[in-house]
Amino acid sequence: MRHRKTGRKLGRTSSHRQALFRNMASSLLLHERIETTEAKAKELRGFVDRLLTLAKRNDTHARRLVFRDIKSKPLLKKLFGPLAERYGGRAGGFTRAVKVGPRKGDGAAMVMVELVDTDIPVRVKKKEKGAEG
């Protein structure tokens, strides 16, 4: 029985998984939009939501808790500055996952994970001339 065992293992050890989510969260907070697999995105949502909720508190203890996961000081300034202000009135749900289709190599379901209320324009991939049909 798997009672109260939450989260996906993603075929990694716990330390590898922790490093994966720290790196993905840093990239998401820096660029405000990343493309990844659906399973990773679903796990990443909770990780990033926790960081943003701590950033909204904006006290010393919250900064230290976030610094455990995000080691980049410029990114911490962005997280506790403009991002905390942007999501100050929002109770949760800071991220959105939009399906973009299967990955070309292995057919894995890919999604675009982005921060809600972002002003980054969406880039549309153009079709190649020989790809019709």
N, C-alpha and C. Protein backbone atom coordinates (compact mmCIF):
# COMPACT_ATOMS: atom_id res chain seq x y z
N MET A 1 0.84 -1.18 0.00
CA MET A 1 0.00 0.00 0.00
C MET A 1 0.88 1.24 0.00
N ARG A 2 0.41 2.28 -0.68
CA ARG A 2 1.21 3.49 -0.80
C ARG A 2 0.53 4.67 -0.11
N HIS A 3 -0.06 4.44 1.03
CA HIS A 3 -0.75 5.51 1.72
C HIS A 3 0.21 6.64 2.10
N ARG A 4 -0.21 7.86 1.85
CA ARG A 4 0.50 9.09 2.20
C ARG A 4 1.88 9.21 1.59
N LYS A 5 2.13 8.55 0.49
CA LYS A 5 3.39 8.68 -0.22
C LYS A 5 3.14 9.56 -1.43
N THR A 6 3.43 10.84 -1.29
CA THR A 6 3.14 11.79 -2.34
C THR A 6 4.36 12.07 -3.20
N GLY A 7 4.14 12.57 -4.36
CA GLY A 7 5.23 12.98 -5.24
C GLY A 7 5.69 11.87 -6.16
N ARG A 8 6.23 12.30 -7.28
CA ARG A 8 6.76 11.37 -8.27
C ARG A 8 8.26 11.23 -8.07
N LYS A 9 8.78 10.04 -8.29
CA LYS A 9 10.22 9.82 -8.13
C LYS A 9 10.99 10.19 -9.39
N LEU A 10 10.35 10.13 -10.55
CA LEU A 10 10.95 10.53 -11.82
C LEU A 10 12.21 9.74 -12.16
N GLY A 11 12.36 8.56 -11.61
CA GLY A 11 13.51 7.71 -11.93
C GLY A 11 14.83 8.27 -11.44
N ARG A 12 14.81 9.03 -10.35
CA ARG A 12 16.01 9.66 -9.83
C ARG A 12 16.14 9.40 -8.34
N THR A 13 17.36 9.56 -7.82
CA THR A 13 17.54 9.49 -6.38
C THR A 13 16.99 10.77 -5.77
N SER A 14 16.81 10.78 -4.46
CA SER A 14 16.22 11.96 -3.82
C SER A 14 17.09 13.20 -3.99
N SER A 15 18.40 13.05 -3.91
CA SER A 15 19.28 14.21 -4.06
C SER A 15 19.27 14.73 -5.50
N HIS A 16 19.21 13.80 -6.46
CA HIS A 16 19.14 14.21 -7.87
C HIS A 16 17.83 14.93 -8.14
N ARG A 17 16.75 14.42 -7.58
CA ARG A 17 15.43 15.02 -7.75
C ARG A 17 15.40 16.42 -7.13
N GLN A 18 15.99 16.56 -5.96
CA GLN A 18 16.04 17.85 -5.28
C GLN A 18 16.83 18.86 -6.11
N ALA A 19 17.97 18.44 -6.65
CA ALA A 19 18.77 19.32 -7.50
C ALA A 19 18.02 19.69 -8.77
N LEU A 20 17.30 18.72 -9.34
CA LEU A 20 16.50 18.97 -10.55
C LEU A 20 15.48 20.07 -10.30
N PHE A 21 14.73 19.97 -9.20
CA PHE A 21 13.69 20.96 -8.93
C PHE A 21 14.28 22.32 -8.56
N ARG A 22 15.42 22.33 -7.89
CA ARG A 22 16.07 23.61 -7.60
C ARG A 22 16.49 24.30 -8.89
N ASN A 23 17.08 23.55 -9.80
CA ASN A 23 17.51 24.13 -11.08
C ASN A 23 16.32 24.57 -11.92
N MET A 24 15.29 23.74 -11.98
CA MET A 24 14.12 24.09 -12.78
C MET A 24 13.40 25.30 -12.19
N ALA A 25 13.31 25.38 -10.87
CA ALA A 25 12.67 26.52 -10.22
C ALA A 25 13.46 27.79 -10.49
N SER A 26 14.78 27.71 -10.43
CA SER A 26 15.61 28.88 -10.72
C SER A 26 15.39 29.35 -12.15
N SER A 27 15.36 28.42 -13.09
CA SER A 27 15.14 28.78 -14.49
C SER A 27 13.76 29.38 -14.70
N LEU A 28 12.76 28.80 -14.06
CA LEU A 28 11.40 29.31 -14.20
C LEU A 28 11.27 30.72 -13.63
N LEU A 29 11.85 30.95 -12.46
CA LEU A 29 11.75 32.27 -11.85
C LEU A 29 12.57 33.31 -12.61
N LEU A 30 13.65 32.89 -13.23
CA LEU A 30 14.49 33.81 -13.99
C LEU A 30 13.85 34.18 -15.32
N HIS A 31 13.42 33.15 -16.07
CA HIS A 31 12.89 33.37 -17.42
C HIS A 31 11.37 33.49 -17.46
N GLU A 32 10.71 33.09 -16.40
CA GLU A 32 9.26 33.13 -16.22
C GLU A 32 8.50 32.18 -17.15
N ARG A 33 9.22 31.37 -17.92
CA ARG A 33 8.58 30.37 -18.77
C ARG A 33 9.63 29.34 -19.17
N ILE A 34 9.33 28.04 -18.96
CA ILE A 34 10.22 26.98 -19.41
C ILE A 34 9.40 25.86 -20.01
N GLU A 35 10.04 25.04 -20.82
CA GLU A 35 9.38 23.88 -21.42
C GLU A 35 9.98 22.62 -20.82
N THR A 36 9.12 21.71 -20.36
CA THR A 36 9.58 20.48 -19.72
C THR A 36 8.52 19.40 -19.91
N THR A 37 8.78 18.22 -19.36
CA THR A 37 7.80 17.15 -19.48
C THR A 37 6.64 17.39 -18.52
N GLU A 38 5.52 16.75 -18.80
CA GLU A 38 4.32 16.96 -18.00
C GLU A 38 4.50 16.53 -16.55
N ALA A 39 5.15 15.38 -16.34
CA ALA A 39 5.34 14.87 -14.98
C ALA A 39 6.22 15.80 -14.16
N LYS A 40 7.31 16.29 -14.76
CA LYS A 40 8.19 17.21 -14.05
C LYS A 40 7.46 18.52 -13.75
N ALA A 41 6.65 18.97 -14.69
CA ALA A 41 5.93 20.23 -14.51
C ALA A 41 4.94 20.14 -13.36
N LYS A 42 4.26 19.02 -13.25
CA LYS A 42 3.27 18.86 -12.18
C LYS A 42 3.94 18.88 -10.81
N GLU A 43 5.12 18.33 -10.71
CA GLU A 43 5.85 18.35 -9.45
C GLU A 43 6.46 19.73 -9.19
N LEU A 44 6.88 20.39 -10.25
CA LEU A 44 7.52 21.69 -10.12
C LEU A 44 6.56 22.76 -9.61
N ARG A 45 5.27 22.64 -9.96
CA ARG A 45 4.28 23.64 -9.56
C ARG A 45 4.27 23.85 -8.05
N GLY A 46 4.21 22.77 -7.29
CA GLY A 46 4.17 22.89 -5.83
C GLY A 46 5.45 23.47 -5.26
N PHE A 47 6.57 23.11 -5.87
CA PHE A 47 7.88 23.58 -5.41
C PHE A 47 7.97 25.10 -5.58
N VAL A 48 7.58 25.60 -6.75
CA VAL A 48 7.66 27.03 -7.04
C VAL A 48 6.60 27.79 -6.24
N ASP A 49 5.42 27.22 -6.09
CA ASP A 49 4.37 27.89 -5.32
C ASP A 49 4.82 28.09 -3.87
N ARG A 50 5.52 27.12 -3.32
CA ARG A 50 6.02 27.25 -1.95
C ARG A 50 7.04 28.38 -1.85
N LEU A 51 7.94 28.48 -2.84
CA LEU A 51 8.94 29.54 -2.83
C LEU A 51 8.29 30.92 -2.93
N LEU A 52 7.30 31.06 -3.81
CA LEU A 52 6.63 32.35 -3.97
C LEU A 52 5.82 32.73 -2.74
N THR A 53 5.23 31.75 -2.08
CA THR A 53 4.48 32.03 -0.86
C THR A 53 5.42 32.52 0.24
N LEU A 54 6.59 31.92 0.33
CA LEU A 54 7.58 32.39 1.30
C LEU A 54 8.06 33.79 0.94
N ALA A 55 8.24 34.06 -0.35
CA ALA A 55 8.72 35.38 -0.78
C ALA A 55 7.70 36.46 -0.44
N LYS A 56 6.43 36.14 -0.46
CA LYS A 56 5.40 37.11 -0.12
C LYS A 56 5.48 37.50 1.36
N ARG A 57 5.97 36.60 2.22
CA ARG A 57 6.12 36.91 3.64
C ARG A 57 7.17 37.98 3.86
N ASN A 58 8.27 37.90 3.11
CA ASN A 58 9.33 38.89 3.09
C ASN A 58 9.90 39.19 4.48
N ASP A 59 10.23 38.15 5.23
CA ASP A 59 10.94 38.33 6.49
C ASP A 59 12.27 37.55 6.41
N THR A 60 13.08 37.70 7.41
CA THR A 60 14.42 37.10 7.40
C THR A 60 14.34 35.58 7.34
N HIS A 61 13.45 35.00 8.10
CA HIS A 61 13.36 33.54 8.11
C HIS A 61 12.90 33.01 6.75
N ALA A 62 11.98 33.71 6.11
CA ALA A 62 11.52 33.29 4.78
C ALA A 62 12.67 33.37 3.78
N ARG A 63 13.48 34.42 3.87
CA ARG A 63 14.64 34.55 2.97
C ARG A 63 15.61 33.39 3.17
N ARG A 64 15.83 33.00 4.40
CA ARG A 64 16.76 31.91 4.67
C ARG A 64 16.20 30.58 4.16
N LEU A 65 14.90 30.39 4.31
CA LEU A 65 14.28 29.16 3.80
C LEU A 65 14.36 29.09 2.28
N VAL A 66 14.14 30.20 1.60
CA VAL A 66 14.22 30.23 0.14
C VAL A 66 15.67 30.06 -0.30
N PHE A 67 16.60 30.65 0.44
CA PHE A 67 18.01 30.56 0.07
C PHE A 67 18.53 29.13 0.12
N ARG A 68 17.87 28.26 0.89
CA ARG A 68 18.25 26.84 0.89
C ARG A 68 18.11 26.24 -0.50
N ASP A 69 17.11 26.70 -1.26
CA ASP A 69 16.83 26.15 -2.58
C ASP A 69 17.37 27.01 -3.71
N ILE A 70 17.30 28.32 -3.58
CA ILE A 70 17.74 29.23 -4.63
C ILE A 70 19.00 29.93 -4.15
N LYS A 71 20.14 29.59 -4.74
CA LYS A 71 21.42 30.11 -4.27
C LYS A 71 21.85 31.40 -4.97
N SER A 72 21.15 31.81 -6.01
CA SER A 72 21.51 32.99 -6.78
C SER A 72 20.97 34.24 -6.10
N LYS A 73 21.88 35.14 -5.68
CA LYS A 73 21.44 36.35 -4.99
C LYS A 73 20.65 37.30 -5.89
N PRO A 74 21.04 37.48 -7.17
CA PRO A 74 20.19 38.32 -8.04
C PRO A 74 18.78 37.74 -8.22
N LEU A 75 18.69 36.44 -8.26
CA LEU A 75 17.38 35.81 -8.40
C LEU A 75 16.56 35.98 -7.12
N LEU A 76 17.23 35.93 -5.96
CA LEU A 76 16.54 36.19 -4.70
C LEU A 76 15.98 37.61 -4.66
N LYS A 77 16.75 38.58 -5.19
CA LYS A 77 16.27 39.96 -5.23
C LYS A 77 15.04 40.06 -6.11
N LYS A 78 15.05 39.36 -7.24
CA LYS A 78 13.89 39.37 -8.13
C LYS A 78 12.69 38.70 -7.46
N LEU A 79 12.95 37.59 -6.78
CA LEU A 79 11.87 36.84 -6.14
C LEU A 79 11.23 37.64 -5.01
N PHE A 80 12.04 38.27 -4.17
CA PHE A 80 11.51 39.02 -3.04
C PHE A 80 11.12 40.45 -3.42
N GLY A 81 11.45 40.87 -4.64
CA GLY A 81 11.09 42.22 -5.09
C GLY A 81 9.89 42.20 -6.01
N PRO A 82 10.12 42.23 -7.34
CA PRO A 82 9.01 42.35 -8.29
C PRO A 82 8.05 41.17 -8.28
N LEU A 83 8.56 39.95 -8.10
CA LEU A 83 7.65 38.79 -8.13
C LEU A 83 6.76 38.76 -6.89
N ALA A 84 7.31 39.08 -5.73
CA ALA A 84 6.50 39.10 -4.50
C ALA A 84 5.44 40.20 -4.58
N GLU A 85 5.77 41.34 -5.19
CA GLU A 85 4.79 42.41 -5.36
C GLU A 85 3.70 42.00 -6.34
N ARG A 86 4.12 41.35 -7.44
CA ARG A 86 3.15 40.94 -8.46
C ARG A 86 2.11 39.97 -7.91
N TYR A 87 2.55 39.06 -7.04
CA TYR A 87 1.64 38.02 -6.55
C TYR A 87 1.19 38.27 -5.10
N GLY A 88 1.35 39.51 -4.62
CA GLY A 88 0.98 39.83 -3.25
C GLY A 88 -0.49 39.59 -2.95
N GLY A 89 -1.36 39.88 -3.89
CA GLY A 89 -2.79 39.71 -3.66
C GLY A 89 -3.33 38.35 -4.04
N ARG A 90 -2.49 37.50 -4.56
CA ARG A 90 -2.93 36.17 -5.03
C ARG A 90 -2.66 35.15 -3.93
N ALA A 91 -3.66 34.31 -3.65
CA ALA A 91 -3.55 33.33 -2.56
C ALA A 91 -2.74 32.10 -2.96
N GLY A 92 -2.65 31.80 -4.22
CA GLY A 92 -1.92 30.63 -4.67
C GLY A 92 -2.09 30.48 -6.16
N GLY A 93 -1.62 29.38 -6.72
CA GLY A 93 -1.76 29.16 -8.16
C GLY A 93 -0.92 30.12 -8.96
N PHE A 94 0.37 30.18 -8.67
CA PHE A 94 1.25 31.13 -9.32
C PHE A 94 1.76 30.62 -10.66
N THR A 95 1.58 29.33 -10.95
CA THR A 95 2.11 28.76 -12.18
C THR A 95 0.99 28.17 -13.02
N ARG A 96 1.28 28.03 -14.31
CA ARG A 96 0.33 27.45 -15.26
C ARG A 96 1.12 26.50 -16.16
N ALA A 97 0.53 25.36 -16.48
CA ALA A 97 1.16 24.40 -17.39
C ALA A 97 0.27 24.25 -18.61
N VAL A 98 0.80 24.58 -19.79
CA VAL A 98 0.06 24.50 -21.04
C VAL A 98 0.69 23.42 -21.90
N LYS A 99 -0.11 22.47 -22.33
CA LYS A 99 0.41 21.38 -23.13
C LYS A 99 0.84 21.89 -24.51
N VAL A 100 2.01 21.42 -24.96
CA VAL A 100 2.52 21.86 -26.26
C VAL A 100 2.69 20.69 -27.23
N GLY A 101 2.40 19.48 -26.81
CA GLY A 101 2.48 18.33 -27.71
C GLY A 101 3.61 17.39 -27.35
N PRO A 102 3.73 16.33 -28.10
CA PRO A 102 4.76 15.33 -27.79
C PRO A 102 6.16 15.78 -28.20
N ARG A 103 7.16 15.28 -27.46
CA ARG A 103 8.55 15.57 -27.80
C ARG A 103 8.92 14.74 -29.02
N LYS A 104 9.71 15.31 -29.90
CA LYS A 104 10.03 14.66 -31.17
C LYS A 104 10.81 13.35 -30.98
N GLY A 105 11.73 13.32 -30.04
CA GLY A 105 12.59 12.15 -29.89
C GLY A 105 11.90 10.92 -29.34
N ASP A 106 11.21 11.06 -28.21
CA ASP A 106 10.62 9.89 -27.57
C ASP A 106 9.11 9.98 -27.37
N GLY A 107 8.50 11.06 -27.80
CA GLY A 107 7.05 11.18 -27.71
C GLY A 107 6.54 11.54 -26.33
N ALA A 108 7.43 11.99 -25.42
CA ALA A 108 6.99 12.37 -24.08
C ALA A 108 6.11 13.61 -24.15
N ALA A 109 5.08 13.66 -23.32
CA ALA A 109 4.17 14.80 -23.30
C ALA A 109 4.91 16.02 -22.75
N MET A 110 4.99 17.07 -23.55
CA MET A 110 5.69 18.28 -23.15
C MET A 110 4.70 19.38 -22.80
N VAL A 111 5.07 20.20 -21.82
CA VAL A 111 4.23 21.33 -21.42
C VAL A 111 5.11 22.57 -21.27
N MET A 112 4.47 23.72 -21.39
CA MET A 112 5.12 25.00 -21.15
C MET A 112 4.67 25.45 -19.76
N VAL A 113 5.60 25.54 -18.83
CA VAL A 113 5.29 25.99 -17.48
C VAL A 113 5.64 27.47 -17.43
N GLU A 114 4.68 28.29 -16.98
CA GLU A 114 4.93 29.72 -16.92
C GLU A 114 4.30 30.30 -15.68
N LEU A 115 4.83 31.45 -15.27
CA LEU A 115 4.24 32.17 -14.16
C LEU A 115 3.00 32.89 -14.66
N VAL A 116 1.96 32.90 -13.86
CA VAL A 116 0.71 33.55 -14.23
C VAL A 116 0.92 35.06 -14.24
N ASP A 117 0.17 35.78 -15.04
CA ASP A 117 0.24 37.25 -15.15
C ASP A 117 1.60 37.73 -15.62
N THR A 118 2.21 37.01 -16.52
CA THR A 118 3.51 37.42 -17.05
C THR A 118 3.29 38.18 -18.36
N ASP A 119 4.22 39.06 -18.70
CA ASP A 119 4.09 39.87 -19.90
C ASP A 119 5.04 39.44 -21.01
N ILE A 120 5.50 38.21 -20.96
CA ILE A 120 6.43 37.71 -21.97
C ILE A 120 5.63 37.28 -23.19
N PRO A 121 5.98 37.76 -24.39
CA PRO A 121 5.22 37.36 -25.57
C PRO A 121 5.44 35.90 -25.91
N VAL A 122 4.42 35.27 -26.49
CA VAL A 122 4.50 33.87 -26.87
C VAL A 122 5.13 33.77 -28.24
N ARG A 123 6.15 32.91 -28.35
CA ARG A 123 6.79 32.69 -29.65
C ARG A 123 6.13 31.50 -30.32
N VAL A 124 5.68 31.67 -31.54
CA VAL A 124 5.03 30.60 -32.29
C VAL A 124 6.04 30.03 -33.26
N LYS A 125 6.18 28.70 -33.24
CA LYS A 125 7.10 28.05 -34.16
C LYS A 125 6.47 28.00 -35.54
N LYS A 126 7.25 28.41 -36.56
CA LYS A 126 6.73 28.40 -37.92
C LYS A 126 6.95 27.04 -38.55
N LYS A 127 6.00 26.63 -39.40
CA LYS A 127 6.13 25.36 -40.10
C LYS A 127 7.16 25.46 -41.20
N GLU A 128 7.87 24.37 -41.41
CA GLU A 128 8.84 24.33 -42.51
C GLU A 128 8.08 24.11 -43.80
N LYS A 129 8.71 24.50 -44.92
CA LYS A 129 8.04 24.38 -46.22
C LYS A 129 7.76 22.93 -46.59
N GLY A 130 8.67 22.03 -46.27
CA GLY A 130 8.50 20.62 -46.64
C GLY A 130 7.71 19.81 -45.63
N ALA A 131 7.22 20.42 -44.58
CA ALA A 131 6.55 19.68 -43.51
C ALA A 131 5.03 19.60 -43.70
N GLU A 132 4.53 20.05 -44.80
CA GLU A 132 3.08 20.03 -45.00
C GLU A 132 2.63 18.65 -45.44
N GLY A 133 1.43 18.29 -45.00
CA GLY A 133 0.85 17.06 -45.50
C GLY A 133 0.64 16.10 -44.47
